[in-house]
Amino acid sequence: MGYFGKDRTTTIPLNERPDLNDKDELVELVHMIDFARNNKRLHEQLWQLHATGPLWDGDVISKTDRNELLQIGACGKVCVKGEDGFNACTYFGRSLLHVFDWLYGKLPKH
């Protein structure tokens, strides 16, 4: 048996008690942490979408970064007041942002 008890709380966002997660949730968490560790440059783009979205395409920090977040489901294309061309953070994106914040610290409000 390891040093830490199963019921030990952690600082991992939304996963204070990993012993209560099922296998799929734990695998998803590992993938999110790995992704955030390898893609630090996406932190600010995801923060922008979460903090100030929905954003018109011309107002995103980087369309390339936004496209990468679209591919993994961290943001989505939305209509705002009947107009196309906007981007918003998804619920998954918010969870991923918490992982980025946990790893690198929260970004200052602009």
C-alpha atoms as a PDB file:
ATOM      1  CA  MET A   1       0.000   0.000   0.000  1.00  0.00           C
ATOM      2  CA  GLY A   2       1.211   3.493  -0.839  1.00  0.00           C
ATOM      3  CA  TYR A   3       1.932   6.308   1.521  1.00  0.00           C
ATOM      4  CA  PHE A   4      -1.221   8.300   0.756  1.00  0.00           C
ATOM      5  CA  GLY A   5      -4.648   7.070   1.763  1.00  0.00           C
ATOM      6  CA  LYS A   6      -7.366   6.674  -0.850  1.00  0.00           C
ATOM      7  CA  ASP A   7      -9.413   9.452   0.725  1.00  0.00           C
ATOM      8  CA  ARG A   8      -6.617  12.053   0.633  1.00  0.00           C
ATOM      9  CA  THR A   9      -7.729  15.367  -0.828  1.00  0.00           C
ATOM     10  CA  THR A  10      -5.708  16.971  -3.632  1.00  0.00           C
ATOM     11  CA  THR A  11      -5.306  20.419  -5.130  1.00  0.00           C
ATOM     12  CA  ILE A  12      -6.336  19.154  -8.572  1.00  0.00           C
ATOM     13  CA  PRO A  13      -9.283  21.313  -9.658  1.00  0.00           C
ATOM     14  CA  LEU A  14     -12.650  19.550  -9.504  1.00  0.00           C
ATOM     15  CA  ASN A  15     -10.863  16.382  -8.361  1.00  0.00           C
ATOM     16  CA  GLU A  16     -10.188  16.959  -4.681  1.00  0.00           C
ATOM     17  CA  ARG A  17     -11.082  13.312  -4.066  1.00  0.00           C
ATOM     18  CA  PRO A  18      -9.823  11.273  -7.050  1.00  0.00           C
ATOM     19  CA  ASP A  19     -10.811   8.094  -5.215  1.00  0.00           C
ATOM     20  CA  LEU A  20     -14.425   9.059  -5.952  1.00  0.00           C
ATOM     21  CA  ASN A  21     -13.828   9.295  -9.722  1.00  0.00           C
ATOM     22  CA  ASP A  22     -14.478   6.363 -12.000  1.00  0.00           C
ATOM     23  CA  LYS A  23     -11.779   5.089 -14.361  1.00  0.00           C
ATOM     24  CA  ASP A  24     -13.003   7.147 -17.339  1.00  0.00           C
ATOM     25  CA  GLU A  25     -12.957  10.361 -15.289  1.00  0.00           C
ATOM     26  CA  LEU A  26      -9.424   9.658 -14.093  1.00  0.00           C
ATOM     27  CA  VAL A  27      -8.238   8.952 -17.640  1.00  0.00           C
ATOM     28  CA  GLU A  28      -9.862  12.202 -18.835  1.00  0.00           C
ATOM     29  CA  LEU A  29      -8.110  14.103 -16.030  1.00  0.00           C
ATOM     30  CA  VAL A  30      -4.725  12.628 -16.961  1.00  0.00           C
ATOM     31  CA  HIS A  31      -5.301  13.608 -20.595  1.00  0.00           C
ATOM     32  CA  MET A  32      -6.291  17.156 -19.584  1.00  0.00           C
ATOM     33  CA  ILE A  33      -3.188  17.580 -17.412  1.00  0.00           C
ATOM     34  CA  ASP A  34      -0.964  16.169 -20.161  1.00  0.00           C
ATOM     35  CA  PHE A  35      -2.560  18.425 -22.781  1.00  0.00           C
ATOM     36  CA  ALA A  36      -2.152  21.522 -20.594  1.00  0.00           C
ATOM     37  CA  ARG A  37       1.483  20.666 -19.858  1.00  0.00           C
ATOM     38  CA  ASN A  38       2.236  20.356 -23.578  1.00  0.00           C
ATOM     39  CA  ASN A  39       0.167  23.325 -24.773  1.00  0.00           C
ATOM     40  CA  LYS A  40       0.802  26.157 -22.311  1.00  0.00           C
ATOM     41  CA  ARG A  41       0.461  28.661 -25.165  1.00  0.00           C
ATOM     42  CA  LEU A  42      -3.310  27.940 -25.292  1.00  0.00           C
ATOM     43  CA  HIS A  43      -3.857  29.121 -21.715  1.00  0.00           C
ATOM     44  CA  GLU A  44      -4.367  32.786 -22.609  1.00  0.00           C
ATOM     45  CA  GLN A  45      -6.657  32.047 -25.570  1.00  0.00           C
ATOM     46  CA  LEU A  46      -8.841  29.793 -23.438  1.00  0.00           C
ATOM     47  CA  TRP A  47      -8.887  32.382 -20.648  1.00  0.00           C
ATOM     48  CA  GLN A  48      -9.985  35.062 -23.146  1.00  0.00           C
ATOM     49  CA  LEU A  49     -12.843  32.907 -24.415  1.00  0.00           C
ATOM     50  CA  HIS A  50     -13.979  32.113 -20.883  1.00  0.00           C
ATOM     51  CA  ALA A  51     -13.588  35.579 -19.358  1.00  0.00           C
ATOM     52  CA  THR A  52     -14.844  37.770 -22.191  1.00  0.00           C
ATOM     53  CA  GLY A  53     -16.683  35.477 -24.612  1.00  0.00           C
ATOM     54  CA  PRO A  54     -18.516  35.006 -26.778  1.00  0.00           C
ATOM     55  CA  LEU A  55     -15.923  36.615 -29.027  1.00  0.00           C
ATOM     56  CA  TRP A  56     -16.224  37.559 -32.662  1.00  0.00           C
ATOM     57  CA  ASP A  57     -13.607  35.839 -34.860  1.00  0.00           C
ATOM     58  CA  GLY A  58     -11.722  39.093 -35.365  1.00  0.00           C
ATOM     59  CA  ASP A  59     -11.292  39.590 -31.612  1.00  0.00           C
ATOM     60  CA  VAL A  60      -9.689  36.259 -30.678  1.00  0.00           C
ATOM     61  CA  ILE A  61      -6.004  36.387 -29.741  1.00  0.00           C
ATOM     62  CA  SER A  62      -5.082  33.699 -32.259  1.00  0.00           C
ATOM     63  CA  LYS A  63      -7.254  31.915 -34.794  1.00  0.00           C
ATOM     64  CA  THR A  64      -4.755  29.041 -34.872  1.00  0.00           C
ATOM     65  CA  ASP A  65      -5.029  28.581 -31.101  1.00  0.00           C
ATOM     66  CA  ARG A  66      -8.806  28.961 -31.284  1.00  0.00           C
ATOM     67  CA  ASN A  67      -8.933  26.257 -33.973  1.00  0.00           C
ATOM     68  CA  GLU A  68      -6.949  23.904 -31.748  1.00  0.00           C
ATOM     69  CA  LEU A  69      -9.391  24.522 -28.884  1.00  0.00           C
ATOM     70  CA  LEU A  70     -12.277  23.892 -31.303  1.00  0.00           C
ATOM     71  CA  GLN A  71     -10.767  20.533 -32.307  1.00  0.00           C
ATOM     72  CA  ILE A  72     -10.702  19.263 -28.722  1.00  0.00           C
ATOM     73  CA  GLY A  73     -14.108  20.711 -27.788  1.00  0.00           C
ATOM     74  CA  ALA A  74     -12.824  23.405 -25.401  1.00  0.00           C
ATOM     75  CA  CYS A  75     -14.623  26.100 -27.382  1.00  0.00           C
ATOM     76  CA  GLY A  76     -17.437  26.161 -29.875  1.00  0.00           C
ATOM     77  CA  LYS A  77     -18.808  28.324 -32.662  1.00  0.00           C
ATOM     78  CA  VAL A  78     -21.982  30.125 -31.602  1.00  0.00           C
ATOM     79  CA  CYS A  79     -24.531  32.596 -32.926  1.00  0.00           C
ATOM     80  CA  VAL A  80     -24.988  35.833 -30.998  1.00  0.00           C
ATOM     81  CA  LYS A  81     -28.203  37.789 -31.579  1.00  0.00           C
ATOM     82  CA  GLY A  82     -28.650  36.008 -34.904  1.00  0.00           C
ATOM     83  CA  GLU A  83     -25.118  36.713 -36.128  1.00  0.00           C
ATOM     84  CA  ASP A  84     -22.558  34.035 -37.031  1.00  0.00           C
ATOM     85  CA  GLY A  85     -18.808  34.192 -36.422  1.00  0.00           C
ATOM     86  CA  PHE A  86     -18.598  34.030 -32.646  1.00  0.00           C
ATOM     87  CA  ASN A  87     -16.654  31.682 -30.355  1.00  0.00           C
ATOM     88  CA  ALA A  88     -17.395  30.676 -26.781  1.00  0.00           C
ATOM     89  CA  CYS A  89     -15.809  28.535 -24.101  1.00  0.00           C
ATOM     90  CA  THR A  90     -17.558  25.189 -23.479  1.00  0.00           C
ATOM     91  CA  TYR A  91     -18.073  23.479 -20.113  1.00  0.00           C
ATOM     92  CA  PHE A  92     -15.158  21.204 -20.997  1.00  0.00           C
ATOM     93  CA  GLY A  93     -13.094  24.297 -21.815  1.00  0.00           C
ATOM     94  CA  ARG A  94     -13.855  25.732 -18.388  1.00  0.00           C
ATOM     95  CA  SER A  95     -12.627  22.515 -16.754  1.00  0.00           C
ATOM     96  CA  LEU A  96      -9.492  22.600 -18.908  1.00  0.00           C
ATOM     97  CA  LEU A  97      -8.951  26.247 -17.963  1.00  0.00           C
ATOM     98  CA  HIS A  98      -9.013  25.215 -14.288  1.00  0.00           C
ATOM     99  CA  VAL A  99      -6.244  22.718 -15.059  1.00  0.00           C
ATOM    100  CA  PHE A 100      -4.191  25.416 -16.839  1.00  0.00           C
ATOM    101  CA  ASP A 101      -4.737  27.761 -13.874  1.00  0.00           C
ATOM    102  CA  TRP A 102      -3.713  25.010 -11.455  1.00  0.00           C
ATOM    103  CA  LEU A 103      -0.507  24.275 -13.371  1.00  0.00           C
ATOM    104  CA  TYR A 104       0.557  27.824 -14.278  1.00  0.00           C
ATOM    105  CA  GLY A 105      -1.410  30.162 -12.025  1.00  0.00           C
ATOM    106  CA  LYS A 106      -4.438  32.230 -12.914  1.00  0.00           C
ATOM    107  CA  LEU A 107      -3.935  34.881 -15.556  1.00  0.00           C
ATOM    108  CA  PRO A 108      -4.448  38.485 -14.440  1.00  0.00           C
ATOM    109  CA  LYS A 109      -7.653  40.168 -15.527  1.00  0.00           C
ATOM    110  CA  HIS A 110      -7.039  42.554 -18.392  1.00  0.00           C
END
